[in-house]
């Protein structure tokens, strides 16, 4: 099998498009590096960029399951493994670039990981993703058995939390991206909770989920700035209602959730039993 073919060995337009999308951030970063467009600290820029994309692709891999139902697109399952492995690839590049930034001093790297909390949890997430990547093959599924394999790969949710905490701490003052990714993660977990509670996935439940995730995103942003910088909650909330400068993450999460609700409405099957 090639990354652009399905299980039958036939060319897949879906897998090919996703493969190109997975390679695009790395290609863009390389082009910027060759063109000298990474700023005064190119290595630092590259470290942050690859780490950001690792989190994004990890969340995209978690989006596959909801989208299969919402968009009535079961073939999306073909790209979940690719997205997960892409997240692993970017986090490995992220780590290697950090080692390069430390001038290949592995003793210093190890001591920094041990002493700095955000590096500790980031490295733990890397190890976890490596384990999941190493057991993502069909042979590993057969060896572990479906039940044990599913239990092992359920740790991806905890790894996502570790990745987001790492993202927050290393971002320091400007946490727009970590807040946005956290809001999407709240939506993803909320969707799985709806399914676990056997709640019908329809326009009403998805709209309620979008609103809940949007509010949760705003509260996450308030909590972070209040605890880390002492900024009053009222100022952060006011910023969420001011569209003159920038649209805050909570609104993007809300709109994305509502867009998915509309997709479900447009693609829902006519048979209520199939919809269930």
C-alpha atoms as a PDB file:
ATOM      1  CA  UNK A   1       0.000   0.000   0.000  1.00  0.00           C
ATOM      2  CA  UNK A   2       1.077   3.535  -0.777  1.00  0.00           C
ATOM      3  CA  UNK A   3      -0.168   6.633   1.078  1.00  0.00           C
ATOM      4  CA  UNK A   4      -2.226   7.595  -1.973  1.00  0.00           C
ATOM      5  CA  UNK A   5      -3.949   4.231  -2.489  1.00  0.00           C
ATOM      6  CA  UNK A   6      -6.791   2.472  -0.702  1.00  0.00           C
ATOM      7  CA  UNK A   7      -6.697  -1.061   0.719  1.00  0.00           C
ATOM      8  CA  UNK A   8      -7.362  -2.512  -2.725  1.00  0.00           C
ATOM      9  CA  UNK A   9      -4.306  -0.714  -4.100  1.00  0.00           C
ATOM     10  CA  UNK A  10      -6.442   1.679  -6.145  1.00  0.00           C
ATOM     11  CA  UNK A  11      -5.595   5.349  -6.416  1.00  0.00           C
ATOM     12  CA  UNK A  12      -7.588   7.359  -3.853  1.00  0.00           C
ATOM     13  CA  UNK A  13      -8.264  11.028  -4.536  1.00  0.00           C
ATOM     14  CA  UNK A  14      -9.177  11.515  -0.867  1.00  0.00           C
ATOM     15  CA  UNK A  15      -5.951  10.040   0.492  1.00  0.00           C
ATOM     16  CA  UNK A  16      -3.895  11.892  -2.108  1.00  0.00           C
ATOM     17  CA  UNK A  17      -5.465  15.233  -1.183  1.00  0.00           C
ATOM     18  CA  UNK A  18      -4.950  14.617   2.533  1.00  0.00           C
ATOM     19  CA  UNK A  19      -1.352  13.514   1.914  1.00  0.00           C
ATOM     20  CA  UNK A  20      -0.625  16.783   0.105  1.00  0.00           C
ATOM     21  CA  UNK A  21      -2.283  18.704   2.954  1.00  0.00           C
ATOM     22  CA  UNK A  22      -0.093  16.856   5.467  1.00  0.00           C
ATOM     23  CA  UNK A  23       3.071  17.721   3.543  1.00  0.00           C
ATOM     24  CA  UNK A  24       2.116  21.341   2.854  1.00  0.00           C
ATOM     25  CA  UNK A  25       3.109  22.885   6.244  1.00  0.00           C
ATOM     26  CA  UNK A  26       6.525  21.224   6.134  1.00  0.00           C
ATOM     27  CA  UNK A  27       7.063  22.281   2.533  1.00  0.00           C
ATOM     28  CA  UNK A  28       6.044  25.840   3.380  1.00  0.00           C
ATOM     29  CA  UNK A  29       8.429  25.925   6.343  1.00  0.00           C
ATOM     30  CA  UNK A  30      11.274  24.607   4.196  1.00  0.00           C
ATOM     31  CA  UNK A  31      10.579  27.193   1.485  1.00  0.00           C
ATOM     32  CA  UNK A  32      10.601  29.979   4.067  1.00  0.00           C
ATOM     33  CA  UNK A  33      13.864  28.677   5.518  1.00  0.00           C
ATOM     34  CA  UNK A  34      15.534  28.541   2.099  1.00  0.00           C
ATOM     35  CA  UNK A  35      14.231  32.024   1.354  1.00  0.00           C
ATOM     36  CA  UNK A  36      15.467  33.426   4.652  1.00  0.00           C
ATOM     37  CA  UNK A  37      11.943  34.336   5.767  1.00  0.00           C
ATOM     38  CA  UNK A  38      11.950  32.844   9.270  1.00  0.00           C
ATOM     39  CA  UNK A  39      12.877  36.056  11.047  1.00  0.00           C
ATOM     40  CA  UNK A  40      15.789  36.846  13.324  1.00  0.00           C
ATOM     41  CA  UNK A  41      15.480  33.496  15.146  1.00  0.00           C
ATOM     42  CA  UNK A  42      14.781  30.970  12.386  1.00  0.00           C
ATOM     43  CA  UNK A  43      15.325  27.891  14.535  1.00  0.00           C
ATOM     44  CA  UNK A  44      12.939  29.131  17.207  1.00  0.00           C
ATOM     45  CA  UNK A  45      10.340  29.902  14.542  1.00  0.00           C
ATOM     46  CA  UNK A  46      10.707  26.405  13.079  1.00  0.00           C
ATOM     47  CA  UNK A  47      10.441  24.764  16.510  1.00  0.00           C
ATOM     48  CA  UNK A  48       7.202  26.591  17.294  1.00  0.00           C
ATOM     49  CA  UNK A  49       5.736  26.084  13.821  1.00  0.00           C
ATOM     50  CA  UNK A  50       6.278  22.314  13.788  1.00  0.00           C
ATOM     51  CA  UNK A  51       4.906  22.027  17.329  1.00  0.00           C
ATOM     52  CA  UNK A  52       1.797  24.006  16.369  1.00  0.00           C
ATOM     53  CA  UNK A  53       1.147  21.770  13.385  1.00  0.00           C
ATOM     54  CA  UNK A  54       1.639  18.634  15.469  1.00  0.00           C
ATOM     55  CA  UNK A  55      -1.249  19.741  17.707  1.00  0.00           C
ATOM     56  CA  UNK A  56      -3.422  20.698  14.738  1.00  0.00           C
ATOM     57  CA  UNK A  57      -2.967  17.372  13.001  1.00  0.00           C
ATOM     58  CA  UNK A  58      -3.577  15.504  16.251  1.00  0.00           C
ATOM     59  CA  UNK A  59      -6.937  17.259  16.599  1.00  0.00           C
ATOM     60  CA  UNK A  60      -7.714  16.656  12.930  1.00  0.00           C
ATOM     61  CA  UNK A  61      -7.190  12.939  13.503  1.00  0.00           C
ATOM     62  CA  UNK A  62      -9.750  13.146  16.320  1.00  0.00           C
ATOM     63  CA  UNK A  63     -12.144  14.976  13.993  1.00  0.00           C
ATOM     64  CA  UNK A  64     -12.357  12.035  11.596  1.00  0.00           C
ATOM     65  CA  UNK A  65     -14.791  10.036  13.747  1.00  0.00           C
ATOM     66  CA  UNK A  66     -17.345  12.871  14.149  1.00  0.00           C
ATOM     67  CA  UNK A  67     -17.088  13.859  10.484  1.00  0.00           C
ATOM     68  CA  UNK A  68     -17.813  10.318   9.315  1.00  0.00           C
ATOM     69  CA  UNK A  69     -21.246  10.605  10.931  1.00  0.00           C
ATOM     70  CA  UNK A  70     -21.956  14.309  10.502  1.00  0.00           C
ATOM     71  CA  UNK A  71     -20.981  14.430   6.828  1.00  0.00           C
ATOM     72  CA  UNK A  72     -22.194  10.877   6.095  1.00  0.00           C
ATOM     73  CA  UNK A  73     -18.703  10.185   4.734  1.00  0.00           C
ATOM     74  CA  UNK A  74     -17.557   6.760   6.024  1.00  0.00           C
ATOM     75  CA  UNK A  75     -14.502   6.675   3.739  1.00  0.00           C
ATOM     76  CA  UNK A  76     -12.866   9.327   5.919  1.00  0.00           C
ATOM     77  CA  UNK A  77     -11.678   6.489   8.142  1.00  0.00           C
ATOM     78  CA  UNK A  78      -8.990   5.851   5.490  1.00  0.00           C
ATOM     79  CA  UNK A  79      -7.144   9.044   6.428  1.00  0.00           C
ATOM     80  CA  UNK A  80      -7.293   8.867  10.245  1.00  0.00           C
ATOM     81  CA  UNK A  81      -4.083   6.864  10.510  1.00  0.00           C
ATOM     82  CA  UNK A  82      -2.336   9.221   8.090  1.00  0.00           C
ATOM     83  CA  UNK A  83      -3.325  12.269  10.137  1.00  0.00           C
ATOM     84  CA  UNK A  84      -2.168  10.647  13.369  1.00  0.00           C
ATOM     85  CA  UNK A  85       1.184   9.673  11.873  1.00  0.00           C
ATOM     86  CA  UNK A  86       1.552  13.186  10.476  1.00  0.00           C
ATOM     87  CA  UNK A  87       1.086  14.583  13.982  1.00  0.00           C
ATOM     88  CA  UNK A  88       3.799  12.199  15.179  1.00  0.00           C
ATOM     89  CA  UNK A  89       6.115  13.244  12.333  1.00  0.00           C
ATOM     90  CA  UNK A  90       5.758  16.941  13.132  1.00  0.00           C
ATOM     91  CA  UNK A  91       6.283  16.420  16.853  1.00  0.00           C
ATOM     92  CA  UNK A  92       9.447  14.390  16.131  1.00  0.00           C
ATOM     93  CA  UNK A  93      10.744  17.179  13.875  1.00  0.00           C
ATOM     94  CA  UNK A  94       9.780  19.628  16.637  1.00  0.00           C
ATOM     95  CA  UNK A  95      11.920  17.672  19.116  1.00  0.00           C
ATOM     96  CA  UNK A  96      14.871  17.229  16.748  1.00  0.00           C
ATOM     97  CA  UNK A  97      14.918  20.969  16.050  1.00  0.00           C
ATOM     98  CA  UNK A  98      14.946  21.591  19.799  1.00  0.00           C
ATOM     99  CA  UNK A  99      17.965  19.295  20.121  1.00  0.00           C
ATOM    100  CA  UNK A 100      19.666  21.228  17.324  1.00  0.00           C
ATOM    101  CA  UNK A 101      18.837  24.490  19.126  1.00  0.00           C
ATOM    102  CA  UNK A 102      20.604  23.090  22.200  1.00  0.00           C
ATOM    103  CA  UNK A 103      23.672  22.412  20.046  1.00  0.00           C
ATOM    104  CA  UNK A 104      23.168  18.638  20.241  1.00  0.00           C
ATOM    105  CA  UNK A 105      23.953  18.659  23.958  1.00  0.00           C
ATOM    106  CA  UNK A 106      21.842  15.630  24.933  1.00  0.00           C
ATOM    107  CA  UNK A 107      22.745  15.924  28.610  1.00  0.00           C
ATOM    108  CA  UNK A 108      21.417  19.482  28.642  1.00  0.00           C
ATOM    109  CA  UNK A 109      18.338  18.395  26.720  1.00  0.00           C
ATOM    110  CA  UNK A 110      17.649  15.625  29.258  1.00  0.00           C
ATOM    111  CA  UNK A 111      18.146  17.972  32.215  1.00  0.00           C
ATOM    112  CA  UNK A 112      15.855  20.594  30.681  1.00  0.00           C
ATOM    113  CA  UNK A 113      13.162  17.984  30.124  1.00  0.00           C
ATOM    114  CA  UNK A 114      13.500  16.818  33.713  1.00  0.00           C
ATOM    115  CA  UNK A 115      13.511  20.304  35.253  1.00  0.00           C
ATOM    116  CA  UNK A 116      11.049  22.255  33.113  1.00  0.00           C
ATOM    117  CA  UNK A 117       7.447  21.138  33.573  1.00  0.00           C
ATOM    118  CA  UNK A 118       6.222  22.121  30.126  1.00  0.00           C
ATOM    119  CA  UNK A 119       9.097  20.226  28.513  1.00  0.00           C
ATOM    120  CA  UNK A 120       8.399  17.201  30.706  1.00  0.00           C
ATOM    121  CA  UNK A 121       4.774  16.948  29.631  1.00  0.00           C
ATOM    122  CA  UNK A 122       5.687  17.730  26.033  1.00  0.00           C
ATOM    123  CA  UNK A 123       8.193  14.882  26.006  1.00  0.00           C
ATOM    124  CA  UNK A 124       5.649  12.572  27.648  1.00  0.00           C
ATOM    125  CA  UNK A 125       3.210  13.414  24.848  1.00  0.00           C
ATOM    126  CA  UNK A 126       5.919  12.674  22.279  1.00  0.00           C
ATOM    127  CA  UNK A 127       6.616   9.247  23.805  1.00  0.00           C
ATOM    128  CA  UNK A 128       2.897   8.484  23.932  1.00  0.00           C
ATOM    129  CA  UNK A 129       2.393   9.450  20.301  1.00  0.00           C
ATOM    130  CA  UNK A 130       5.398   7.339  19.323  1.00  0.00           C
ATOM    131  CA  UNK A 131       3.813   4.333  21.054  1.00  0.00           C
ATOM    132  CA  UNK A 132       0.528   4.931  19.239  1.00  0.00           C
ATOM    133  CA  UNK A 133       2.363   5.387  15.952  1.00  0.00           C
ATOM    134  CA  UNK A 134       4.295   2.170  16.453  1.00  0.00           C
ATOM    135  CA  UNK A 135       1.090   0.238  17.107  1.00  0.00           C
ATOM    136  CA  UNK A 136      -0.964   1.784  14.304  1.00  0.00           C
ATOM    137  CA  UNK A 137      -0.284  -0.990  11.802  1.00  0.00           C
ATOM    138  CA  UNK A 138      -2.700  -3.778  10.889  1.00  0.00           C
ATOM    139  CA  UNK A 139      -0.191  -6.289  12.251  1.00  0.00           C
ATOM    140  CA  UNK A 140      -0.177  -4.522  15.631  1.00  0.00           C
ATOM    141  CA  UNK A 141      -3.980  -4.568  15.767  1.00  0.00           C
ATOM    142  CA  UNK A 142      -3.983  -8.326  15.121  1.00  0.00           C
ATOM    143  CA  UNK A 143      -1.246  -8.925  17.698  1.00  0.00           C
ATOM    144  CA  UNK A 144      -2.891  -6.849  20.446  1.00  0.00           C
ATOM    145  CA  UNK A 145      -6.472  -7.727  19.627  1.00  0.00           C
ATOM    146  CA  UNK A 146      -9.157  -5.152  18.925  1.00  0.00           C
ATOM    147  CA  UNK A 147     -10.164  -4.614  22.570  1.00  0.00           C
ATOM    148  CA  UNK A 148      -6.618  -4.121  23.888  1.00  0.00           C
ATOM    149  CA  UNK A 149      -5.708  -1.988  20.874  1.00  0.00           C
ATOM    150  CA  UNK A 150      -8.692   0.308  21.432  1.00  0.00           C
ATOM    151  CA  UNK A 151      -7.832   0.661  25.116  1.00  0.00           C
ATOM    152  CA  UNK A 152      -4.255   1.555  24.285  1.00  0.00           C
ATOM    153  CA  UNK A 153      -5.212   4.111  21.651  1.00  0.00           C
ATOM    154  CA  UNK A 154      -7.731   5.731  23.994  1.00  0.00           C
ATOM    155  CA  UNK A 155      -4.725   7.413  25.650  1.00  0.00           C
ATOM    156  CA  UNK A 156      -4.709   9.777  22.668  1.00  0.00           C
ATOM    157  CA  UNK A 157      -7.185  11.978  24.553  1.00  0.00           C
ATOM    158  CA  UNK A 158      -4.802  12.331  27.485  1.00  0.00           C
ATOM    159  CA  UNK A 159      -1.929  12.983  25.107  1.00  0.00           C
ATOM    160  CA  UNK A 160      -3.969  15.747  23.475  1.00  0.00           C
ATOM    161  CA  UNK A 161      -4.451  17.365  26.894  1.00  0.00           C
ATOM    162  CA  UNK A 162      -0.703  17.175  27.597  1.00  0.00           C
ATOM    163  CA  UNK A 163       0.030  18.673  24.190  1.00  0.00           C
ATOM    164  CA  UNK A 164      -2.367  21.554  24.798  1.00  0.00           C
ATOM    165  CA  UNK A 165      -0.911  22.316  28.236  1.00  0.00           C
ATOM    166  CA  UNK A 166       2.571  22.299  26.688  1.00  0.00           C
ATOM    167  CA  UNK A 167       1.242  24.590  23.943  1.00  0.00           C
ATOM    168  CA  UNK A 168      -0.157  27.041  26.503  1.00  0.00           C
ATOM    169  CA  UNK A 169       2.972  27.261  28.634  1.00  0.00           C
ATOM    170  CA  UNK A 170       5.434  27.668  25.774  1.00  0.00           C
ATOM    171  CA  UNK A 171       3.205  30.318  24.136  1.00  0.00           C
ATOM    172  CA  UNK A 172       3.417  32.458  27.298  1.00  0.00           C
ATOM    173  CA  UNK A 173       1.542  35.724  26.791  1.00  0.00           C
ATOM    174  CA  UNK A 174      -0.159  35.275  23.418  1.00  0.00           C
ATOM    175  CA  UNK A 175      -2.240  32.127  23.849  1.00  0.00           C
ATOM    176  CA  UNK A 176      -4.676  32.732  21.001  1.00  0.00           C
ATOM    177  CA  UNK A 177      -3.726  29.537  19.186  1.00  0.00           C
ATOM    178  CA  UNK A 178      -3.683  27.293  22.289  1.00  0.00           C
ATOM    179  CA  UNK A 179      -7.088  28.667  23.319  1.00  0.00           C
ATOM    180  CA  UNK A 180      -8.463  28.023  19.832  1.00  0.00           C
ATOM    181  CA  UNK A 181      -7.114  24.454  19.775  1.00  0.00           C
ATOM    182  CA  UNK A 182      -8.459  23.864  23.287  1.00  0.00           C
ATOM    183  CA  UNK A 183     -11.900  25.031  22.187  1.00  0.00           C
ATOM    184  CA  UNK A 184     -11.870  22.587  19.295  1.00  0.00           C
ATOM    185  CA  UNK A 185     -10.784  19.837  21.687  1.00  0.00           C
ATOM    186  CA  UNK A 186     -13.717  20.659  23.969  1.00  0.00           C
ATOM    187  CA  UNK A 187     -16.048  20.270  20.980  1.00  0.00           C
ATOM    188  CA  UNK A 188     -14.442  16.945  20.037  1.00  0.00           C
ATOM    189  CA  UNK A 189     -14.812  15.585  23.555  1.00  0.00           C
ATOM    190  CA  UNK A 190     -18.337  16.958  23.804  1.00  0.00           C
ATOM    191  CA  UNK A 191     -19.318  15.127  20.635  1.00  0.00           C
ATOM    192  CA  UNK A 192     -17.976  11.860  22.024  1.00  0.00           C
ATOM    193  CA  UNK A 193     -19.900  12.456  25.251  1.00  0.00           C
ATOM    194  CA  UNK A 194     -23.116  12.911  23.263  1.00  0.00           C
ATOM    195  CA  UNK A 195     -22.501   9.621  21.490  1.00  0.00           C
ATOM    196  CA  UNK A 196     -21.665   7.840  24.742  1.00  0.00           C
ATOM    197  CA  UNK A 197     -24.891   9.111  26.306  1.00  0.00           C
ATOM    198  CA  UNK A 198     -26.786   7.982  23.183  1.00  0.00           C
ATOM    199  CA  UNK A 199     -27.934  11.521  22.378  1.00  0.00           C
ATOM    200  CA  UNK A 200     -29.226  11.910  18.819  1.00  0.00           C
ATOM    201  CA  UNK A 201     -26.774  13.758  16.605  1.00  0.00           C
ATOM    202  CA  UNK A 202     -28.911  16.391  14.932  1.00  0.00           C
ATOM    203  CA  UNK A 203     -29.142  20.123  14.342  1.00  0.00           C
ATOM    204  CA  UNK A 204     -30.307  20.828  17.906  1.00  0.00           C
ATOM    205  CA  UNK A 205     -27.676  18.771  19.736  1.00  0.00           C
ATOM    206  CA  UNK A 206     -24.826  19.970  17.506  1.00  0.00           C
ATOM    207  CA  UNK A 207     -25.921  23.604  17.856  1.00  0.00           C
ATOM    208  CA  UNK A 208     -26.034  23.216  21.647  1.00  0.00           C
ATOM    209  CA  UNK A 209     -22.588  21.621  21.539  1.00  0.00           C
ATOM    210  CA  UNK A 210     -21.252  24.515  19.441  1.00  0.00           C
ATOM    211  CA  UNK A 211     -22.591  27.053  21.928  1.00  0.00           C
ATOM    212  CA  UNK A 212     -21.208  25.106  24.899  1.00  0.00           C
ATOM    213  CA  UNK A 213     -17.777  24.718  23.286  1.00  0.00           C
ATOM    214  CA  UNK A 214     -17.695  28.418  22.396  1.00  0.00           C
ATOM    215  CA  UNK A 215     -18.511  29.441  25.974  1.00  0.00           C
ATOM    216  CA  UNK A 216     -15.962  26.969  27.323  1.00  0.00           C
ATOM    217  CA  UNK A 217     -13.332  28.465  25.013  1.00  0.00           C
ATOM    218  CA  UNK A 218     -14.020  31.964  26.343  1.00  0.00           C
ATOM    219  CA  UNK A 219     -13.794  30.686  29.931  1.00  0.00           C
ATOM    220  CA  UNK A 220     -10.507  28.914  29.202  1.00  0.00           C
ATOM    221  CA  UNK A 221      -9.087  32.178  27.866  1.00  0.00           C
ATOM    222  CA  UNK A 222     -10.371  34.095  30.897  1.00  0.00           C
ATOM    223  CA  UNK A 223      -8.934  31.526  33.313  1.00  0.00           C
ATOM    224  CA  UNK A 224      -5.518  31.544  31.656  1.00  0.00           C
ATOM    225  CA  UNK A 225      -5.072  35.315  31.567  1.00  0.00           C
ATOM    226  CA  UNK A 226      -6.492  35.721  35.073  1.00  0.00           C
ATOM    227  CA  UNK A 227      -4.157  33.126  36.576  1.00  0.00           C
ATOM    228  CA  UNK A 228      -1.012  33.898  34.589  1.00  0.00           C
ATOM    229  CA  UNK A 229      -1.131  37.664  34.082  1.00  0.00           C
ATOM    230  CA  UNK A 230      -3.700  38.927  36.574  1.00  0.00           C
ATOM    231  CA  UNK A 231      -5.826  40.516  33.848  1.00  0.00           C
ATOM    232  CA  UNK A 232      -9.398  40.977  35.039  1.00  0.00           C
ATOM    233  CA  UNK A 233     -11.959  38.557  33.661  1.00  0.00           C
ATOM    234  CA  UNK A 234     -14.188  41.440  32.613  1.00  0.00           C
ATOM    235  CA  UNK A 235     -11.478  42.790  30.292  1.00  0.00           C
ATOM    236  CA  UNK A 236     -10.973  39.425  28.590  1.00  0.00           C
ATOM    237  CA  UNK A 237     -14.714  38.929  28.196  1.00  0.00           C
ATOM    238  CA  UNK A 238     -15.039  42.448  26.793  1.00  0.00           C
ATOM    239  CA  UNK A 239     -12.312  41.626  24.255  1.00  0.00           C
ATOM    240  CA  UNK A 240     -14.429  38.682  23.088  1.00  0.00           C
ATOM    241  CA  UNK A 241     -17.249  41.112  22.264  1.00  0.00           C
ATOM    242  CA  UNK A 242     -15.024  43.622  20.462  1.00  0.00           C
ATOM    243  CA  UNK A 243     -14.650  42.788  16.753  1.00  0.00           C
ATOM    244  CA  UNK A 244     -12.757  45.954  15.806  1.00  0.00           C
ATOM    245  CA  UNK A 245      -9.300  44.438  16.310  1.00  0.00           C
ATOM    246  CA  UNK A 246      -9.412  40.642  16.166  1.00  0.00           C
ATOM    247  CA  UNK A 247     -12.019  37.912  16.429  1.00  0.00           C
ATOM    248  CA  UNK A 248     -11.362  35.884  19.564  1.00  0.00           C
ATOM    249  CA  UNK A 249     -11.075  32.054  19.504  1.00  0.00           C
ATOM    250  CA  UNK A 250     -14.450  31.486  21.189  1.00  0.00           C
ATOM    251  CA  UNK A 251     -16.259  32.843  18.127  1.00  0.00           C
ATOM    252  CA  UNK A 252     -14.277  30.675  15.709  1.00  0.00           C
ATOM    253  CA  UNK A 253     -15.118  27.591  17.780  1.00  0.00           C
ATOM    254  CA  UNK A 254     -18.797  28.582  17.861  1.00  0.00           C
ATOM    255  CA  UNK A 255     -18.970  29.215  14.124  1.00  0.00           C
ATOM    256  CA  UNK A 256     -17.090  26.016  13.286  1.00  0.00           C
ATOM    257  CA  UNK A 257     -19.482  24.038  15.469  1.00  0.00           C
ATOM    258  CA  UNK A 258     -22.530  25.640  13.869  1.00  0.00           C
ATOM    259  CA  UNK A 259     -21.080  24.981  10.403  1.00  0.00           C
ATOM    260  CA  UNK A 260     -20.813  21.288  11.269  1.00  0.00           C
ATOM    261  CA  UNK A 261     -24.411  21.340  12.488  1.00  0.00           C
ATOM    262  CA  UNK A 262     -25.477  22.707   9.088  1.00  0.00           C
ATOM    263  CA  UNK A 263     -23.396  20.055   7.315  1.00  0.00           C
ATOM    264  CA  UNK A 264     -25.185  17.364   9.316  1.00  0.00           C
ATOM    265  CA  UNK A 265     -28.548  18.888   8.433  1.00  0.00           C
ATOM    266  CA  UNK A 266     -27.689  18.909   4.742  1.00  0.00           C
ATOM    267  CA  UNK A 267     -26.207  15.390   4.654  1.00  0.00           C
ATOM    268  CA  UNK A 268     -28.492  13.549   7.081  1.00  0.00           C
ATOM    269  CA  UNK A 269     -29.976  10.328   5.676  1.00  0.00           C
ATOM    270  CA  UNK A 270     -33.692  10.208   4.991  1.00  0.00           C
ATOM    271  CA  UNK A 271     -34.108   7.012   7.024  1.00  0.00           C
ATOM    272  CA  UNK A 272     -34.359   7.888  10.757  1.00  0.00           C
ATOM    273  CA  UNK A 273     -32.887   4.503  11.674  1.00  0.00           C
ATOM    274  CA  UNK A 274     -29.834   5.170   9.516  1.00  0.00           C
ATOM    275  CA  UNK A 275     -29.506   8.636  11.051  1.00  0.00           C
ATOM    276  CA  UNK A 276     -29.474   7.057  14.483  1.00  0.00           C
END
